[in-house]
Amino acid sequence: MTSVKKVDPQGRLTIPELSGAQVIIEAISEHEFRVRRVEVIPAEEAWLFRNPTATAAVQAGLADAIAGMFSDDPRIGKDYSWLDDVEDE
């Protein structure tokens, strides 16, 4: 798609298809710019996307959950009667 747009006096350009989107604007040359839609990942979560082993483990876990495959509850069959003797704070 090619169209001609006019930049307003404040330097703004309206692209309705990108309304509300976050974008990266790259200067290709003095007269050419590339606009790309992006999704921002919080810094504390970015490690996951840089760690292929962790990413694969999360994807496998999600696939198991979707398929209804869950681990047995490790609490089943355990004796927790000793908790009756623990005082509440």
Protein backbone atom coordinates (compact mmCIF):
# COMPACT_ATOMS: atom_id res chain seq x y z
CA MET A 1 0.00 0.00 0.00
CA THR A 2 1.30 3.40 -0.96
CA SER A 3 -0.30 6.69 -0.05
CA VAL A 4 0.71 10.32 0.22
CA LYS A 5 0.31 11.92 3.66
CA LYS A 6 1.01 15.42 4.91
CA VAL A 7 2.94 16.06 8.12
CA ASP A 8 1.18 18.73 10.20
CA PRO A 9 2.97 21.87 11.53
CA GLN A 10 3.78 20.06 14.81
CA GLY A 11 5.60 17.29 12.92
CA ARG A 12 2.83 14.70 13.34
CA LEU A 13 1.76 12.12 10.81
CA THR A 14 -1.51 10.18 11.13
CA ILE A 15 -1.57 6.51 10.13
CA PRO A 16 -5.06 5.18 10.95
CA GLU A 17 -3.95 1.54 10.62
CA LEU A 18 -1.53 2.10 13.52
CA SER A 19 -3.93 4.00 15.76
CA GLY A 20 -3.13 3.17 19.39
CA ALA A 21 -0.19 0.92 18.51
CA GLN A 22 3.34 1.18 19.86
CA VAL A 23 5.86 1.56 17.06
CA ILE A 24 9.56 1.84 16.39
CA ILE A 25 10.53 4.49 13.86
CA GLU A 26 13.86 3.80 12.16
CA ALA A 27 15.66 6.41 10.09
CA ILE A 28 16.78 4.54 6.97
CA SER A 29 18.20 7.68 5.38
CA GLU A 30 17.64 11.42 5.58
CA HIS A 31 14.42 11.04 3.56
CA GLU A 32 13.27 7.53 4.42
CA PHE A 33 11.82 6.07 7.61
CA ARG A 34 10.59 2.61 8.53
CA VAL A 35 7.69 2.27 10.98
CA ARG A 36 7.24 -1.12 12.67
CA ARG A 37 4.58 -2.20 15.16
CA VAL A 38 6.10 -3.58 18.38
CA GLU A 39 5.07 -5.25 21.62
CA VAL A 40 7.00 -4.20 24.71
CA ILE A 41 8.21 -6.89 27.11
CA PRO A 42 8.82 -5.81 30.73
CA ALA A 43 12.53 -5.95 31.65
CA GLU A 44 11.96 -8.45 34.46
CA GLU A 45 10.35 -10.86 31.96
CA ALA A 46 12.78 -10.40 29.05
CA TRP A 47 15.22 -13.02 30.40
CA LEU A 48 12.74 -15.72 29.45
CA PHE A 49 12.88 -14.78 25.77
CA ARG A 50 16.70 -14.78 25.84
CA ASN A 51 16.83 -18.28 27.37
CA PRO A 52 15.76 -20.92 24.82
CA THR A 53 15.72 -23.72 27.43
CA ALA A 54 13.41 -21.78 29.75
CA THR A 55 11.19 -20.70 26.85
CA ALA A 56 10.85 -24.32 25.68
CA ALA A 57 9.99 -25.46 29.23
CA VAL A 58 7.26 -22.82 29.56
CA GLN A 59 5.84 -23.69 26.13
CA ALA A 60 5.83 -27.40 27.00
CA GLY A 61 4.12 -26.68 30.32
CA LEU A 62 1.45 -24.59 28.61
CA ALA A 63 0.88 -27.33 26.02
CA ASP A 64 0.49 -29.90 28.83
CA ALA A 65 -1.99 -27.65 30.63
CA ILE A 66 -4.03 -27.14 27.46
CA ALA A 67 -4.08 -30.92 26.97
CA GLY A 68 -5.26 -31.38 30.59
CA MET A 69 -2.06 -33.11 31.66
CA PHE A 70 -1.32 -32.17 35.26
CA SER A 71 1.00 -33.61 37.90
CA ASP A 72 -0.50 -35.49 40.83
CA ASP A 73 -1.01 -33.39 43.93
CA PRO A 74 2.06 -34.11 46.11
CA ARG A 75 -0.03 -33.48 49.25
CA ILE A 76 -2.29 -36.48 48.63
CA GLY A 77 -1.55 -39.37 50.99
CA LYS A 78 0.65 -37.30 53.33
CA ASP A 79 0.07 -37.04 57.08
CA TYR A 80 -0.50 -33.42 58.04
CA SER A 81 -2.03 -34.10 61.46
CA TRP A 82 1.01 -32.49 63.09
CA LEU A 83 -0.30 -29.13 61.85
CA ASP A 84 -3.05 -29.37 64.46
CA ASP A 85 -0.35 -28.83 67.13
CA VAL A 86 1.05 -25.67 65.48
CA GLU A 87 -0.11 -22.46 67.13
CA ASP A 88 -1.58 -19.72 64.99
CA GLU A 89 0.18 -16.38 65.14
